Each structure stands twice: as structure tokens, then as C-alpha cells.
Amino acid sequence: SMLSVRNVRASFGGFLALDDVSLEL
């Protein structure tokens, strides 16, 4: 695996922009 994203969450104020995102490259 070069890049592993696990259960990422990100928000701007009250807006949830990323909701439990996982990705494998």
C-alpha cells in the first residue's frame, strides 16, 4: 500500500464534508 486512508471525517462548521471515508492506493 502506498496510501491508506481509514475512517476519515472532516467538517466545515456544522457541515460534514467527509463521513467515514476509507480508501486504499
PDB file of all heavy atoms in Angstrom:
ATOM      1  N   SER A   1       0.836  -1.193   0.000  1.00  0.00           N
ATOM      2  CA  SER A   1       0.000   0.000   0.000  1.00  0.00           C
ATOM      3  C   SER A   1       0.875   1.249   0.000  1.00  0.00           C
ATOM      4  O   SER A   1       1.780   1.383   0.818  1.00  0.00           O
ATOM      5  CB  SER A   1      -0.914  -0.001   1.222  1.00  0.00           C
ATOM      6  OG  SER A   1      -1.645   1.202   1.292  1.00  0.00           O
ATOM      7  N   MET A   2       0.614   2.170  -0.922  1.00  0.00           N
ATOM      8  CA  MET A   2       1.301   3.457  -0.941  1.00  0.00           C
ATOM      9  C   MET A   2       0.592   4.447  -0.020  1.00  0.00           C
ATOM     10  O   MET A   2       1.223   5.148   0.775  1.00  0.00           O
ATOM     11  CB  MET A   2       1.338   4.001  -2.372  1.00  0.00           C
ATOM     12  CG  MET A   2       1.884   5.409  -2.510  1.00  0.00           C
ATOM     13  SD  MET A   2       3.658   5.547  -2.233  1.00  0.00           S
ATOM     14  CE  MET A   2       4.309   4.851  -3.745  1.00  0.00           C
ATOM     15  N   LEU A   3      -0.742   4.472  -0.118  1.00  0.00           N
ATOM     16  CA  LEU A   3      -1.541   5.421   0.644  1.00  0.00           C
ATOM     17  C   LEU A   3      -2.755   4.698   1.225  1.00  0.00           C
ATOM     18  O   LEU A   3      -3.471   4.008   0.502  1.00  0.00           O
ATOM     19  CB  LEU A   3      -2.001   6.562  -0.262  1.00  0.00           C
ATOM     20  CG  LEU A   3      -2.899   7.632   0.344  1.00  0.00           C
ATOM     21  CD1 LEU A   3      -2.137   8.456   1.367  1.00  0.00           C
ATOM     22  CD2 LEU A   3      -3.457   8.537  -0.758  1.00  0.00           C
ATOM     23  N   SER A   4      -2.968   4.871   2.507  1.00  0.00           N
ATOM     24  CA  SER A   4      -4.094   4.224   3.180  1.00  0.00           C
ATOM     25  C   SER A   4      -4.859   5.256   3.998  1.00  0.00           C
ATOM     26  O   SER A   4      -4.308   5.870   4.913  1.00  0.00           O
ATOM     27  CB  SER A   4      -3.592   3.094   4.088  1.00  0.00           C
ATOM     28  OG  SER A   4      -4.671   2.441   4.718  1.00  0.00           O
ATOM     29  N   VAL A   5      -6.120   5.478   3.630  1.00  0.00           N
ATOM     30  CA  VAL A   5      -6.999   6.412   4.337  1.00  0.00           C
ATOM     31  C   VAL A   5      -8.031   5.580   5.092  1.00  0.00           C
ATOM     32  O   VAL A   5      -8.706   4.737   4.504  1.00  0.00           O
ATOM     33  CB  VAL A   5      -7.706   7.365   3.353  1.00  0.00           C
ATOM     34  CG1 VAL A   5      -8.665   8.299   4.082  1.00  0.00           C
ATOM     35  CG2 VAL A   5      -6.678   8.158   2.550  1.00  0.00           C
ATOM     36  N   ARG A   6      -8.163   5.805   6.388  1.00  0.00           N
ATOM     37  CA  ARG A   6      -9.041   4.977   7.210  1.00  0.00           C
ATOM     38  C   ARG A   6     -10.023   5.828   8.011  1.00  0.00           C
ATOM     39  O   ARG A   6      -9.635   6.627   8.855  1.00  0.00           O
ATOM     40  CB  ARG A   6      -8.213   4.125   8.188  1.00  0.00           C
ATOM     41  CG  ARG A   6      -7.425   3.020   7.519  1.00  0.00           C
ATOM     42  CD  ARG A   6      -8.347   1.864   7.101  1.00  0.00           C
ATOM     43  NE  ARG A   6      -7.615   0.828   6.387  1.00  0.00           N
ATOM     44  CZ  ARG A   6      -7.519   0.752   5.072  1.00  0.00           C
ATOM     45  NH1 ARG A   6      -8.102   1.670   4.324  1.00  0.00           N
ATOM     46  NH2 ARG A   6      -6.856  -0.224   4.493  1.00  0.00           N
ATOM     47  N   ASN A   7     -11.321   5.659   7.704  1.00  0.00           N
ATOM     48  CA  ASN A   7     -12.418   6.214   8.510  1.00  0.00           C
ATOM     49  C   ASN A   7     -12.262   7.708   8.780  1.00  0.00           C
ATOM     50  O   ASN A   7     -12.488   8.183   9.898  1.00  0.00           O
ATOM     51  CB  ASN A   7     -12.528   5.456   9.835  1.00  0.00           C
ATOM     52  CG  ASN A   7     -12.616   3.951   9.636  1.00  0.00           C
ATOM     53  OD1 ASN A   7     -11.691   3.223  10.012  1.00  0.00           O
ATOM     54  ND2 ASN A   7     -13.690   3.483   9.040  1.00  0.00           N
ATOM     55  N   VAL A   8     -11.922   8.444   7.736  1.00  0.00           N
ATOM     56  CA  VAL A   8     -11.670   9.875   7.877  1.00  0.00           C
ATOM     57  C   VAL A   8     -12.982  10.666   7.887  1.00  0.00           C
ATOM     58  O   VAL A   8     -13.871  10.436   7.073  1.00  0.00           O
ATOM     59  CB  VAL A   8     -10.753  10.374   6.745  1.00  0.00           C
ATOM     60  CG1 VAL A   8     -10.805  11.892   6.619  1.00  0.00           C
ATOM     61  CG2 VAL A   8      -9.317   9.928   6.998  1.00  0.00           C
ATOM     62  N   ARG A   9     -13.059  11.601   8.827  1.00  0.00           N
ATOM     63  CA  ARG A   9     -14.170  12.533   8.910  1.00  0.00           C
ATOM     64  C   ARG A   9     -13.596  13.949   8.937  1.00  0.00           C
ATOM     65  O   ARG A   9     -12.585  14.211   9.593  1.00  0.00           O
ATOM     66  CB  ARG A   9     -15.008  12.291  10.170  1.00  0.00           C
ATOM     67  CG  ARG A   9     -15.713  10.956  10.191  1.00  0.00           C
ATOM     68  CD  ARG A   9     -16.250  10.624  11.574  1.00  0.00           C
ATOM     69  NE  ARG A   9     -17.286  11.540  12.008  1.00  0.00           N
ATOM     70  CZ  ARG A   9     -18.590  11.356  11.778  1.00  0.00           C
ATOM     71  NH1 ARG A   9     -19.008  10.297  11.111  1.00  0.00           N
ATOM     72  NH2 ARG A   9     -19.486  12.228  12.225  1.00  0.00           N
ATOM     73  N   ALA A  10     -14.259  14.867   8.222  1.00  0.00           N
ATOM     74  CA  ALA A  10     -13.843  16.264   8.213  1.00  0.00           C
ATOM     75  C   ALA A  10     -15.087  17.124   8.054  1.00  0.00           C
ATOM     76  O   ALA A  10     -16.040  16.732   7.386  1.00  0.00           O
ATOM     77  CB  ALA A  10     -12.861  16.542   7.079  1.00  0.00           C
ATOM     78  N   SER A  11     -15.057  18.308   8.660  1.00  0.00           N
ATOM     79  CA  SER A  11     -16.235  19.162   8.602  1.00  0.00           C
ATOM     80  C   SER A  11     -15.836  20.623   8.511  1.00  0.00           C
ATOM     81  O   SER A  11     -14.728  21.014   8.886  1.00  0.00           O
ATOM     82  CB  SER A  11     -17.124  18.940   9.828  1.00  0.00           C
ATOM     83  OG  SER A  11     -16.407  19.220  11.024  1.00  0.00           O
ATOM     84  N   PHE A  12     -16.777  21.432   8.011  1.00  0.00           N
ATOM     85  CA  PHE A  12     -16.644  22.889   7.966  1.00  0.00           C
ATOM     86  C   PHE A  12     -17.829  23.460   8.723  1.00  0.00           C
ATOM     87  O   PHE A  12     -18.959  23.440   8.221  1.00  0.00           O
ATOM     88  CB  PHE A  12     -16.622  23.387   6.523  1.00  0.00           C
ATOM     89  CG  PHE A  12     -15.517  22.797   5.684  1.00  0.00           C
ATOM     90  CD1 PHE A  12     -15.778  21.775   4.794  1.00  0.00           C
ATOM     91  CD2 PHE A  12     -14.222  23.271   5.796  1.00  0.00           C
ATOM     92  CE1 PHE A  12     -14.764  21.230   4.025  1.00  0.00           C
ATOM     93  CE2 PHE A  12     -13.199  22.731   5.025  1.00  0.00           C
ATOM     94  CZ  PHE A  12     -13.467  21.710   4.135  1.00  0.00           C
ATOM     95  N   GLY A  13     -17.572  23.938   9.947  1.00  0.00           N
ATOM     96  CA  GLY A  13     -18.678  24.359  10.780  1.00  0.00           C
ATOM     97  C   GLY A  13     -19.557  23.162  11.104  1.00  0.00           C
ATOM     98  O   GLY A  13     -19.091  22.136  11.581  1.00  0.00           O
ATOM     99  N   GLY A  14     -20.828  23.261  10.774  1.00  0.00           N
ATOM    100  CA  GLY A  14     -21.742  22.151  11.020  1.00  0.00           C
ATOM    101  C   GLY A  14     -21.900  21.212   9.847  1.00  0.00           C
ATOM    102  O   GLY A  14     -22.666  20.239   9.927  1.00  0.00           O
ATOM    103  N   PHE A  15     -21.181  21.488   8.743  1.00  0.00           N
ATOM    104  CA  PHE A  15     -21.322  20.656   7.543  1.00  0.00           C
ATOM    105  C   PHE A  15     -20.292  19.537   7.542  1.00  0.00           C
ATOM    106  O   PHE A  15     -19.089  19.792   7.609  1.00  0.00           O
ATOM    107  CB  PHE A  15     -21.155  21.509   6.288  1.00  0.00           C
ATOM    108  CG  PHE A  15     -21.164  20.713   5.006  1.00  0.00           C
ATOM    109  CD1 PHE A  15     -22.312  20.086   4.567  1.00  0.00           C
ATOM    110  CD2 PHE A  15     -19.998  20.594   4.258  1.00  0.00           C
ATOM    111  CE1 PHE A  15     -22.315  19.351   3.399  1.00  0.00           C
ATOM    112  CE2 PHE A  15     -19.992  19.857   3.086  1.00  0.00           C
ATOM    113  CZ  PHE A  15     -21.159  19.236   2.650  1.00  0.00           C
ATOM    114  N   LEU A  16     -20.763  18.302   7.469  1.00  0.00           N
ATOM    115  CA  LEU A  16     -19.869  17.143   7.443  1.00  0.00           C
ATOM    116  C   LEU A  16     -19.454  16.872   5.998  1.00  0.00           C
ATOM    117  O   LEU A  16     -20.219  16.334   5.202  1.00  0.00           O
ATOM    118  CB  LEU A  16     -20.582  15.922   8.035  1.00  0.00           C
ATOM    119  CG  LEU A  16     -19.728  14.662   8.259  1.00  0.00           C
ATOM    120  CD1 LEU A  16     -18.577  14.953   9.216  1.00  0.00           C
ATOM    121  CD2 LEU A  16     -20.597  13.528   8.786  1.00  0.00           C
ATOM    122  N   ALA A  17     -18.222  17.247   5.657  1.00  0.00           N
ATOM    123  CA  ALA A  17     -17.736  17.133   4.277  1.00  0.00           C
ATOM    124  C   ALA A  17     -17.240  15.736   3.952  1.00  0.00           C
ATOM    125  O   ALA A  17     -17.362  15.275   2.813  1.00  0.00           O
ATOM    126  CB  ALA A  17     -16.628  18.150   4.029  1.00  0.00           C
ATOM    127  N   LEU A  18     -16.640  15.065   4.937  1.00  0.00           N
ATOM    128  CA  LEU A  18     -16.175  13.689   4.778  1.00  0.00           C
ATOM    129  C   LEU A  18     -16.739  12.864   5.928  1.00  0.00           C
ATOM    130  O   LEU A  18     -16.554  13.214   7.091  1.00  0.00           O
ATOM    131  CB  LEU A  18     -14.643  13.621   4.781  1.00  0.00           C
ATOM    132  CG  LEU A  18     -13.908  14.353   3.664  1.00  0.00           C
ATOM    133  CD1 LEU A  18     -12.397  14.269   3.873  1.00  0.00           C
ATOM    134  CD2 LEU A  18     -14.289  13.798   2.293  1.00  0.00           C
ATOM    135  N   ASP A  19     -17.393  11.766   5.587  1.00  0.00           N
ATOM    136  CA  ASP A  19     -18.097  10.970   6.581  1.00  0.00           C
ATOM    137  C   ASP A  19     -17.617   9.521   6.533  1.00  0.00           C
ATOM    138  O   ASP A  19     -18.085   8.725   5.718  1.00  0.00           O
ATOM    139  CB  ASP A  19     -19.608  11.048   6.316  1.00  0.00           C
ATOM    140  CG  ASP A  19     -20.432  10.336   7.378  1.00  0.00           C
ATOM    141  OD1 ASP A  19     -19.851   9.901   8.385  1.00  0.00           O
ATOM    142  OD2 ASP A  19     -21.657  10.220   7.179  1.00  0.00           O
ATOM    143  N   ASP A  20     -16.623   9.206   7.361  1.00  0.00           N
ATOM    144  CA  ASP A  20     -16.121   7.838   7.484  1.00  0.00           C
ATOM    145  C   ASP A  20     -15.562   7.306   6.160  1.00  0.00           C
ATOM    146  O   ASP A  20     -15.883   6.217   5.707  1.00  0.00           O
ATOM    147  CB  ASP A  20     -17.231   6.912   7.991  1.00  0.00           C
ATOM    148  CG  ASP A  20     -16.685   5.607   8.570  1.00  0.00           C
ATOM    149  OD1 ASP A  20     -15.624   5.651   9.198  1.00  0.00           O
ATOM    150  OD2 ASP A  20     -17.321   4.554   8.360  1.00  0.00           O
ATOM    151  N   VAL A  21     -14.682   8.094   5.540  1.00  0.00           N
ATOM    152  CA  VAL A  21     -14.119   7.750   4.229  1.00  0.00           C
ATOM    153  C   VAL A  21     -12.868   6.884   4.389  1.00  0.00           C
ATOM    154  O   VAL A  21     -11.952   7.227   5.139  1.00  0.00           O
ATOM    155  CB  VAL A  21     -13.764   9.027   3.440  1.00  0.00           C
ATOM    156  CG1 VAL A  21     -12.990   8.682   2.169  1.00  0.00           C
ATOM    157  CG2 VAL A  21     -15.026   9.796   3.100  1.00  0.00           C
ATOM    158  N   SER A  22     -12.848   5.775   3.666  1.00  0.00           N
ATOM    159  CA  SER A  22     -11.668   4.897   3.612  1.00  0.00           C
ATOM    160  C   SER A  22     -11.296   4.658   2.163  1.00  0.00           C
ATOM    161  O   SER A  22     -12.177   4.501   1.308  1.00  0.00           O
ATOM    162  CB  SER A  22     -11.946   3.564   4.309  1.00  0.00           C
ATOM    163  OG  SER A  22     -12.169   3.739   5.692  1.00  0.00           O
ATOM    164  N   LEU A  23      -9.993   4.635   1.894  1.00  0.00           N
ATOM    165  CA  LEU A  23      -9.503   4.483   0.518  1.00  0.00           C
ATOM    166  C   LEU A  23      -8.117   3.859   0.563  1.00  0.00           C
ATOM    167  O   LEU A  23      -7.324   4.170   1.450  1.00  0.00           O
ATOM    168  CB  LEU A  23      -9.480   5.847  -0.164  1.00  0.00           C
ATOM    169  CG  LEU A  23      -8.944   5.994  -1.581  1.00  0.00           C
ATOM    170  CD1 LEU A  23      -9.696   7.114  -2.307  1.00  0.00           C
ATOM    171  CD2 LEU A  23      -7.443   6.307  -1.573  1.00  0.00           C
ATOM    172  N   GLU A  24      -7.831   3.003  -0.399  1.00  0.00           N
ATOM    173  CA  GLU A  24      -6.526   2.334  -0.470  1.00  0.00           C
ATOM    174  C   GLU A  24      -5.926   2.541  -1.866  1.00  0.00           C
ATOM    175  O   GLU A  24      -6.578   2.271  -2.876  1.00  0.00           O
ATOM    176  CB  GLU A  24      -6.689   0.843  -0.196  1.00  0.00           C
ATOM    177  CG  GLU A  24      -5.396   0.125   0.130  1.00  0.00           C
ATOM    178  CD  GLU A  24      -5.005   0.248   1.595  1.00  0.00           C
ATOM    179  OE1 GLU A  24      -5.884   0.571   2.417  1.00  0.00           O
ATOM    180  OE2 GLU A  24      -3.823   0.026   1.903  1.00  0.00           O
ATOM    181  N   LEU A  25      -4.702   3.034  -1.893  1.00  0.00           N
ATOM    182  CA  LEU A  25      -3.975   3.234  -3.146  1.00  0.00           C
ATOM    183  C   LEU A  25      -2.704   2.397  -3.098  1.00  0.00           C
ATOM    184  O   LEU A  25      -1.847   2.601  -2.242  1.00  0.00           O
ATOM    185  CB  LEU A  25      -3.626   4.719  -3.321  1.00  0.00           C
ATOM    186  CG  LEU A  25      -2.795   5.118  -4.529  1.00  0.00           C
ATOM    187  CD1 LEU A  25      -3.514   4.782  -5.832  1.00  0.00           C
ATOM    188  CD2 LEU A  25      -2.468   6.611  -4.486  1.00  0.00           C
TER     189      LEU A  25
END
